[in-house]
Amino acid sequence: MSVKRRLSFSPTAAIALLALFFALGGSAFALGHSVSAAQPRCATGAVRGIATVVGDPSAGMANLPDQFTSKPSLFSRRFNCARGAVQVRRVQAGVFEVRFLRNSARSAVGSSVGDSYADVEPESGGIFKVSIHPAGRDDLSDRAFTIIIV
């Protein structure tokens, strides 16, 4: 004797299967037809430049030159969306200037190592003045720092 079972779906199961079908089909459609454009270099709101200034490993931050230089050993990281050089110089104890050539960014944030903070002020010509302050003190300190311009 043969018993045939009939497959039946409840209305809830049918709706769940239909939702699953459309969810998977929509994802496949989106993957197959996605159009994404890369963000233009130097666009408004983009990171336009980064410089992590660490100083010469054998000479330290206090011995950075007083003239702008882009010597690779002074940086652990550098980026300029305008494809110009990233340069740094020491103005005085704890005060540095970082220049991003051909970059028109006017906003920046800075960070320093340890218990110090970096105060960043924009100047003309893609230059940013960075002052390094030890936490809780008014004096300045020669310490490594990172600046990000947007």
Protein backbone atom coordinates (compact mmCIF):
# COMPACT_ATOMS: atom_id res chain seq x y z
CA MET A 1 0.00 0.00 0.00
CA SER A 2 1.32 3.35 -0.99
CA VAL A 3 0.52 6.51 0.90
CA LYS A 4 1.11 9.80 -0.87
CA ARG A 5 1.67 12.79 1.28
CA ARG A 6 0.66 16.06 -0.08
CA LEU A 7 2.96 19.01 0.55
CA SER A 8 1.02 22.01 1.77
CA PHE A 9 2.15 25.42 2.91
CA SER A 10 0.43 27.56 5.40
CA PRO A 11 -0.17 31.17 4.33
CA THR A 12 2.54 32.30 6.76
CA ALA A 13 5.12 29.94 5.27
CA ALA A 14 4.19 31.04 1.75
CA ILE A 15 4.69 34.71 2.63
CA ALA A 16 8.01 33.93 4.34
CA LEU A 17 9.27 32.05 1.26
CA LEU A 18 8.14 34.87 -1.02
CA ALA A 19 9.95 37.44 1.17
CA LEU A 20 13.09 35.30 1.12
CA PHE A 21 12.91 35.04 -2.67
CA PHE A 22 12.67 38.83 -3.09
CA ALA A 23 15.38 39.49 -0.50
CA LEU A 24 17.85 37.17 -2.20
CA GLY A 25 16.86 38.32 -5.66
CA GLY A 26 17.20 41.97 -4.69
CA SER A 27 20.66 41.41 -3.22
CA ALA A 28 21.79 39.57 -6.34
CA PHE A 29 20.41 42.36 -8.52
CA ALA A 30 22.17 45.01 -6.42
CA LEU A 31 25.49 43.14 -6.60
CA GLY A 32 25.23 42.67 -10.33
CA HIS A 33 24.25 46.25 -11.09
CA SER A 34 26.02 48.30 -8.47
CA VAL A 35 27.57 51.50 -9.68
CA SER A 36 29.93 53.17 -7.28
CA ALA A 37 32.23 56.02 -8.08
CA ALA A 38 35.45 56.61 -6.24
CA GLN A 39 35.57 59.81 -4.25
CA PRO A 40 37.50 62.47 -6.14
CA ARG A 41 40.87 63.35 -4.68
CA CYS A 42 40.78 66.47 -2.53
CA ALA A 43 36.97 66.52 -2.46
CA THR A 44 35.18 68.54 0.19
CA GLY A 45 34.98 66.47 3.34
CA ALA A 46 37.75 64.09 2.29
CA VAL A 47 41.00 63.64 4.17
CA ARG A 48 43.31 65.89 2.20
CA GLY A 49 46.54 65.24 4.01
CA ILE A 50 48.21 63.33 6.82
CA ALA A 51 51.63 63.75 8.36
CA THR A 52 53.06 61.86 11.32
CA VAL A 53 56.27 63.65 12.27
CA VAL A 54 58.61 61.55 14.41
CA GLY A 55 61.93 63.31 13.87
CA ASP A 56 65.21 61.76 12.85
CA PRO A 57 65.66 58.55 14.89
CA SER A 58 69.30 59.40 15.64
CA ALA A 59 68.78 63.12 16.37
CA GLY A 60 65.25 63.50 17.84
CA MET A 61 62.50 66.06 17.36
CA ALA A 62 64.52 68.94 18.82
CA ASN A 63 66.99 68.68 15.93
CA LEU A 64 64.55 69.16 13.06
CA PRO A 65 65.87 71.83 10.70
CA ASP A 66 64.51 75.38 10.75
CA GLN A 67 64.02 75.23 6.95
CA PHE A 68 61.23 73.18 5.34
CA THR A 69 62.28 69.65 4.43
CA SER A 70 60.55 66.53 3.19
CA LYS A 71 63.29 64.13 4.34
CA PRO A 72 61.60 60.70 4.62
CA SER A 73 63.26 59.76 7.92
CA LEU A 74 61.42 62.61 9.68
CA PHE A 75 58.01 61.06 8.94
CA SER A 76 56.47 57.71 9.72
CA ARG A 77 53.49 58.53 7.50
CA ARG A 78 52.67 61.26 5.00
CA PHE A 79 49.98 61.84 2.40
CA ASN A 80 48.95 64.84 0.32
CA CYS A 81 45.88 64.43 -1.90
CA ALA A 82 47.19 67.17 -4.20
CA ARG A 83 50.23 64.97 -4.88
CA GLY A 84 52.54 67.70 -3.62
CA ALA A 85 55.29 67.28 -1.07
CA VAL A 86 54.70 67.19 2.68
CA GLN A 87 57.32 69.24 4.48
CA VAL A 88 58.11 70.09 8.09
CA ARG A 89 60.31 72.50 9.99
CA ARG A 90 60.90 73.36 13.64
CA VAL A 91 60.14 77.00 14.45
CA GLN A 92 61.11 76.90 18.13
CA ALA A 93 60.92 74.45 21.03
CA GLY A 94 57.58 72.64 20.75
CA VAL A 95 56.41 74.61 17.68
CA PHE A 96 56.52 73.13 14.19
CA GLU A 97 55.13 74.03 10.79
CA VAL A 98 53.90 71.40 8.36
CA ARG A 99 53.41 72.38 4.72
CA PHE A 100 51.26 70.46 2.23
CA LEU A 101 52.31 71.84 -1.16
CA ARG A 102 49.49 72.68 -3.64
CA ASN A 103 46.87 71.75 -1.03
CA SER A 104 44.07 74.24 -0.30
CA ALA A 105 42.76 72.61 2.90
CA ARG A 106 42.05 75.04 5.74
CA SER A 107 40.97 72.72 8.56
CA ALA A 108 43.09 70.32 10.58
CA VAL A 109 43.26 68.29 13.75
CA GLY A 110 46.37 67.23 15.58
CA SER A 111 47.43 64.65 18.09
CA SER A 112 50.63 64.10 20.02
CA VAL A 113 52.17 61.14 21.82
CA GLY A 114 52.00 60.41 25.52
CA ASP A 115 50.34 62.92 27.81
CA SER A 116 50.67 65.81 25.33
CA TYR A 117 48.20 67.46 23.00
CA ALA A 118 48.71 69.26 19.70
CA ASP A 119 47.26 72.70 18.99
CA VAL A 120 46.93 73.29 15.20
CA GLU A 121 46.49 76.67 13.50
CA PRO A 122 46.13 77.10 9.72
CA GLU A 123 48.36 79.63 8.00
CA SER A 124 48.59 80.63 4.35
CA GLY A 125 50.07 78.52 1.56
CA GLY A 126 49.06 75.09 2.88
CA ILE A 127 51.02 75.60 6.10
CA PHE A 128 49.77 74.51 9.53
CA LYS A 129 51.44 75.59 12.77
CA VAL A 130 51.51 72.78 15.35
CA SER A 131 52.26 73.51 19.02
CA ILE A 132 52.84 70.57 21.35
CA HIS A 133 51.76 71.07 24.98
CA PRO A 134 52.35 68.57 27.80
CA ALA A 135 49.09 67.89 29.61
CA GLY A 136 48.38 70.33 32.43
CA ARG A 137 51.30 72.64 31.62
CA ASP A 138 51.69 75.86 29.65
CA ASP A 139 55.18 75.18 28.31
CA LEU A 140 55.91 73.54 24.97
CA SER A 141 57.60 70.22 24.27
CA ASP A 142 59.40 68.64 21.30
CA ARG A 143 57.38 65.44 20.78
CA ALA A 144 56.19 63.39 17.82
CA PHE A 145 52.77 64.35 16.43
CA THR A 146 50.21 63.62 13.75
CA ILE A 147 48.26 66.19 11.77
CA ILE A 148 45.25 65.38 9.57
CA ILE A 149 43.90 68.04 7.22
CA VAL A 150 40.42 68.08 5.70
